[in-house]
Amino acid sequence: MNSDFPKVLHKIGDKTLIEHVINTANQLNSHKTIVIIGYKKEIIKNQLSHLDIEYAVQEKQLGTGHAIKQCEK
């Protein structure tokens, strides 16, 4: 994306990429939505503050599988 802005906060239409994913999770009646954050996490949390979600912090970005493991706690 060639941007210093977090990828998940780029927009498609009127919503960020991550909001599209969260909306899909909500439509599937998910029990809980956990967003894994790391890079520029405060910007992401601020952008999503209006949503009922939880966060897991991935201090070191070691791949998608590692990111998912951060939700175990």
N, C-alpha and C. Protein backbone atom coordinates (compact mmCIF):
# COMPACT_ATOMS: atom_id res chain seq x y z
N MET A 1 0.83 -1.20 0.00
CA MET A 1 0.00 0.00 0.00
C MET A 1 0.87 1.25 0.00
N ASN A 2 2.14 1.08 0.25
CA ASN A 2 3.08 2.19 0.19
C ASN A 2 2.62 3.37 1.04
N SER A 3 2.33 3.11 2.30
CA SER A 3 1.80 4.13 3.19
C SER A 3 2.30 3.89 4.61
N ASP A 4 2.51 4.96 5.37
CA ASP A 4 2.86 4.82 6.78
C ASP A 4 1.61 4.64 7.65
N PHE A 5 0.45 4.82 7.07
CA PHE A 5 -0.82 4.67 7.75
C PHE A 5 -1.12 3.17 7.87
N PRO A 6 -1.63 2.69 9.02
CA PRO A 6 -1.94 1.26 9.14
C PRO A 6 -2.85 0.77 8.02
N LYS A 7 -2.49 -0.35 7.43
CA LYS A 7 -3.25 -0.90 6.29
C LYS A 7 -4.72 -1.07 6.61
N VAL A 8 -5.03 -1.55 7.80
CA VAL A 8 -6.43 -1.84 8.15
C VAL A 8 -7.29 -0.59 8.24
N LEU A 9 -6.68 0.59 8.27
CA LEU A 9 -7.46 1.82 8.38
C LEU A 9 -7.67 2.52 7.03
N HIS A 10 -7.17 1.93 5.97
CA HIS A 10 -7.48 2.47 4.64
C HIS A 10 -8.95 2.17 4.38
N LYS A 11 -9.59 3.02 3.59
CA LYS A 11 -11.04 2.89 3.39
C LYS A 11 -11.41 2.31 2.05
N ILE A 12 -12.49 1.55 2.09
CA ILE A 12 -13.22 1.12 0.90
C ILE A 12 -14.62 1.68 1.11
N GLY A 13 -15.00 2.59 0.26
CA GLY A 13 -16.27 3.27 0.47
C GLY A 13 -16.19 4.13 1.71
N ASP A 14 -17.17 3.99 2.58
CA ASP A 14 -17.23 4.84 3.78
C ASP A 14 -16.67 4.16 5.03
N LYS A 15 -16.12 2.95 4.89
CA LYS A 15 -15.63 2.21 6.06
C LYS A 15 -14.18 1.79 5.87
N THR A 16 -13.49 1.63 6.99
CA THR A 16 -12.12 1.12 6.93
C THR A 16 -12.15 -0.37 6.62
N LEU A 17 -11.02 -0.91 6.18
CA LEU A 17 -10.94 -2.34 5.90
C LEU A 17 -11.31 -3.15 7.13
N ILE A 18 -10.80 -2.77 8.29
CA ILE A 18 -11.08 -3.53 9.51
C ILE A 18 -12.56 -3.44 9.91
N GLU A 19 -13.20 -2.31 9.64
CA GLU A 19 -14.62 -2.20 9.95
C GLU A 19 -15.45 -3.14 9.07
N HIS A 20 -15.03 -3.34 7.84
CA HIS A 20 -15.73 -4.30 6.97
C HIS A 20 -15.62 -5.70 7.57
N VAL A 21 -14.44 -6.06 8.07
CA VAL A 21 -14.24 -7.39 8.67
C VAL A 21 -15.07 -7.52 9.95
N ILE A 22 -15.05 -6.50 10.78
CA ILE A 22 -15.82 -6.53 12.04
C ILE A 22 -17.32 -6.63 11.74
N ASN A 23 -17.79 -5.91 10.76
CA ASN A 23 -19.22 -5.99 10.40
C ASN A 23 -19.59 -7.39 9.94
N THR A 24 -18.71 -8.04 9.18
CA THR A 24 -18.96 -9.41 8.75
C THR A 24 -19.02 -10.34 9.96
N ALA A 25 -18.10 -10.18 10.89
CA ALA A 25 -18.11 -11.01 12.11
C ALA A 25 -19.41 -10.81 12.87
N ASN A 26 -19.87 -9.58 12.96
CA ASN A 26 -21.14 -9.30 13.65
C ASN A 26 -22.32 -9.96 12.96
N GLN A 27 -22.32 -9.98 11.63
CA GLN A 27 -23.41 -10.62 10.88
C GLN A 27 -23.41 -12.12 11.08
N LEU A 28 -22.27 -12.68 11.44
CA LEU A 28 -22.17 -14.12 11.70
C LEU A 28 -22.50 -14.47 13.14
N ASN A 29 -22.97 -13.47 13.88
CA ASN A 29 -23.34 -13.63 15.29
C ASN A 29 -22.18 -14.16 16.13
N SER A 30 -21.02 -13.59 15.91
CA SER A 30 -19.85 -14.01 16.68
C SER A 30 -20.06 -13.70 18.15
N HIS A 31 -19.54 -14.56 19.00
CA HIS A 31 -19.66 -14.40 20.45
C HIS A 31 -18.82 -13.21 20.91
N LYS A 32 -17.64 -13.07 20.32
CA LYS A 32 -16.71 -12.03 20.72
C LYS A 32 -15.85 -11.68 19.51
N THR A 33 -15.54 -10.41 19.37
CA THR A 33 -14.65 -9.97 18.30
C THR A 33 -13.38 -9.42 18.93
N ILE A 34 -12.26 -10.01 18.56
CA ILE A 34 -10.97 -9.58 19.06
C ILE A 34 -10.14 -9.08 17.89
N VAL A 35 -9.69 -7.85 17.98
CA VAL A 35 -8.83 -7.26 16.96
C VAL A 35 -7.40 -7.33 17.47
N ILE A 36 -6.54 -7.92 16.67
CA ILE A 36 -5.13 -8.05 17.04
C ILE A 36 -4.41 -6.81 16.53
N ILE A 37 -3.78 -6.11 17.47
CA ILE A 37 -3.10 -4.86 17.12
C ILE A 37 -1.64 -4.92 17.52
N GLY A 38 -0.86 -4.11 16.85
CA GLY A 38 0.57 -4.03 17.16
C GLY A 38 1.08 -2.71 16.62
N TYR A 39 1.38 -2.68 15.33
CA TYR A 39 1.89 -1.49 14.67
C TYR A 39 0.89 -0.35 14.75
N LYS A 40 1.30 0.76 15.32
CA LYS A 40 0.45 1.96 15.47
C LYS A 40 -0.89 1.62 16.14
N LYS A 41 -0.81 0.81 17.19
CA LYS A 41 -2.02 0.31 17.85
C LYS A 41 -2.92 1.40 18.40
N GLU A 42 -2.36 2.51 18.87
CA GLU A 42 -3.20 3.57 19.45
C GLU A 42 -4.07 4.24 18.39
N ILE A 43 -3.54 4.40 17.20
CA ILE A 43 -4.33 4.98 16.10
C ILE A 43 -5.51 4.06 15.77
N ILE A 44 -5.24 2.78 15.73
CA ILE A 44 -6.29 1.80 15.41
C ILE A 44 -7.35 1.78 16.51
N LYS A 45 -6.93 1.73 17.76
CA LYS A 45 -7.89 1.73 18.87
C LYS A 45 -8.75 2.99 18.86
N ASN A 46 -8.15 4.11 18.57
CA ASN A 46 -8.89 5.37 18.51
C ASN A 46 -9.93 5.33 17.39
N GLN A 47 -9.56 4.82 16.25
CA GLN A 47 -10.48 4.75 15.10
C GLN A 47 -11.65 3.80 15.37
N LEU A 48 -11.42 2.76 16.17
CA LEU A 48 -12.45 1.75 16.41
C LEU A 48 -13.14 1.91 17.76
N SER A 49 -12.90 3.01 18.44
CA SER A 49 -13.41 3.20 19.81
C SER A 49 -14.94 3.13 19.90
N HIS A 50 -15.63 3.35 18.82
CA HIS A 50 -17.10 3.32 18.83
C HIS A 50 -17.67 1.90 18.74
N LEU A 51 -16.80 0.91 18.55
CA LEU A 51 -17.25 -0.48 18.38
C LEU A 51 -17.08 -1.29 19.66
N ASP A 52 -17.92 -2.30 19.81
CA ASP A 52 -17.86 -3.20 20.96
C ASP A 52 -16.94 -4.37 20.62
N ILE A 53 -15.64 -4.16 20.79
CA ILE A 53 -14.64 -5.17 20.46
C ILE A 53 -13.58 -5.23 21.55
N GLU A 54 -12.82 -6.31 21.53
CA GLU A 54 -11.69 -6.45 22.45
C GLU A 54 -10.41 -6.42 21.62
N TYR A 55 -9.29 -6.25 22.31
CA TYR A 55 -8.01 -6.17 21.63
C TYR A 55 -7.03 -7.17 22.22
N ALA A 56 -6.19 -7.70 21.36
CA ALA A 56 -5.03 -8.49 21.76
C ALA A 56 -3.83 -7.80 21.12
N VAL A 57 -2.78 -7.62 21.91
CA VAL A 57 -1.61 -6.90 21.41
C VAL A 57 -0.55 -7.91 20.98
N GLN A 58 -0.08 -7.74 19.77
CA GLN A 58 1.03 -8.53 19.24
C GLN A 58 2.25 -7.62 19.23
N GLU A 59 3.08 -7.74 20.27
CA GLU A 59 4.24 -6.86 20.41
C GLU A 59 5.23 -7.04 19.26
N LYS A 60 5.51 -8.28 18.89
CA LYS A 60 6.40 -8.57 17.76
C LYS A 60 5.56 -9.16 16.65
N GLN A 61 5.65 -8.61 15.47
CA GLN A 61 4.88 -9.11 14.34
C GLN A 61 5.64 -10.28 13.73
N LEU A 62 5.19 -11.49 14.07
CA LEU A 62 5.86 -12.72 13.63
C LEU A 62 4.96 -13.57 12.73
N GLY A 63 4.05 -12.94 12.03
CA GLY A 63 3.19 -13.65 11.09
C GLY A 63 1.76 -13.82 11.58
N THR A 64 0.91 -14.24 10.66
CA THR A 64 -0.52 -14.38 10.95
C THR A 64 -0.80 -15.43 12.02
N GLY A 65 -0.14 -16.58 11.93
CA GLY A 65 -0.35 -17.63 12.93
C GLY A 65 0.01 -17.16 14.33
N HIS A 66 1.11 -16.42 14.43
CA HIS A 66 1.53 -15.87 15.72
C HIS A 66 0.50 -14.85 16.22
N ALA A 67 -0.03 -14.06 15.32
CA ALA A 67 -1.05 -13.08 15.68
C ALA A 67 -2.26 -13.75 16.31
N ILE A 68 -2.72 -14.81 15.71
CA ILE A 68 -3.90 -15.52 16.22
C ILE A 68 -3.62 -16.08 17.62
N LYS A 69 -2.41 -16.54 17.86
CA LYS A 69 -2.05 -17.09 19.17
C LYS A 69 -2.15 -16.03 20.27
N GLN A 70 -2.08 -14.75 19.91
CA GLN A 70 -2.16 -13.69 20.89
C GLN A 70 -3.55 -13.59 21.51
N CYS A 71 -4.54 -14.20 20.88
CA CYS A 71 -5.92 -14.16 21.39
C CYS A 71 -6.16 -15.21 22.48
N GLU A 72 -5.26 -16.15 22.64
CA GLU A 72 -5.46 -17.22 23.62
C GLU A 72 -5.61 -16.68 25.04
N LYS A 73 -4.88 -15.65 25.38
CA LYS A 73 -4.92 -15.08 26.72
C LYS A 73 -6.26 -14.46 26.98
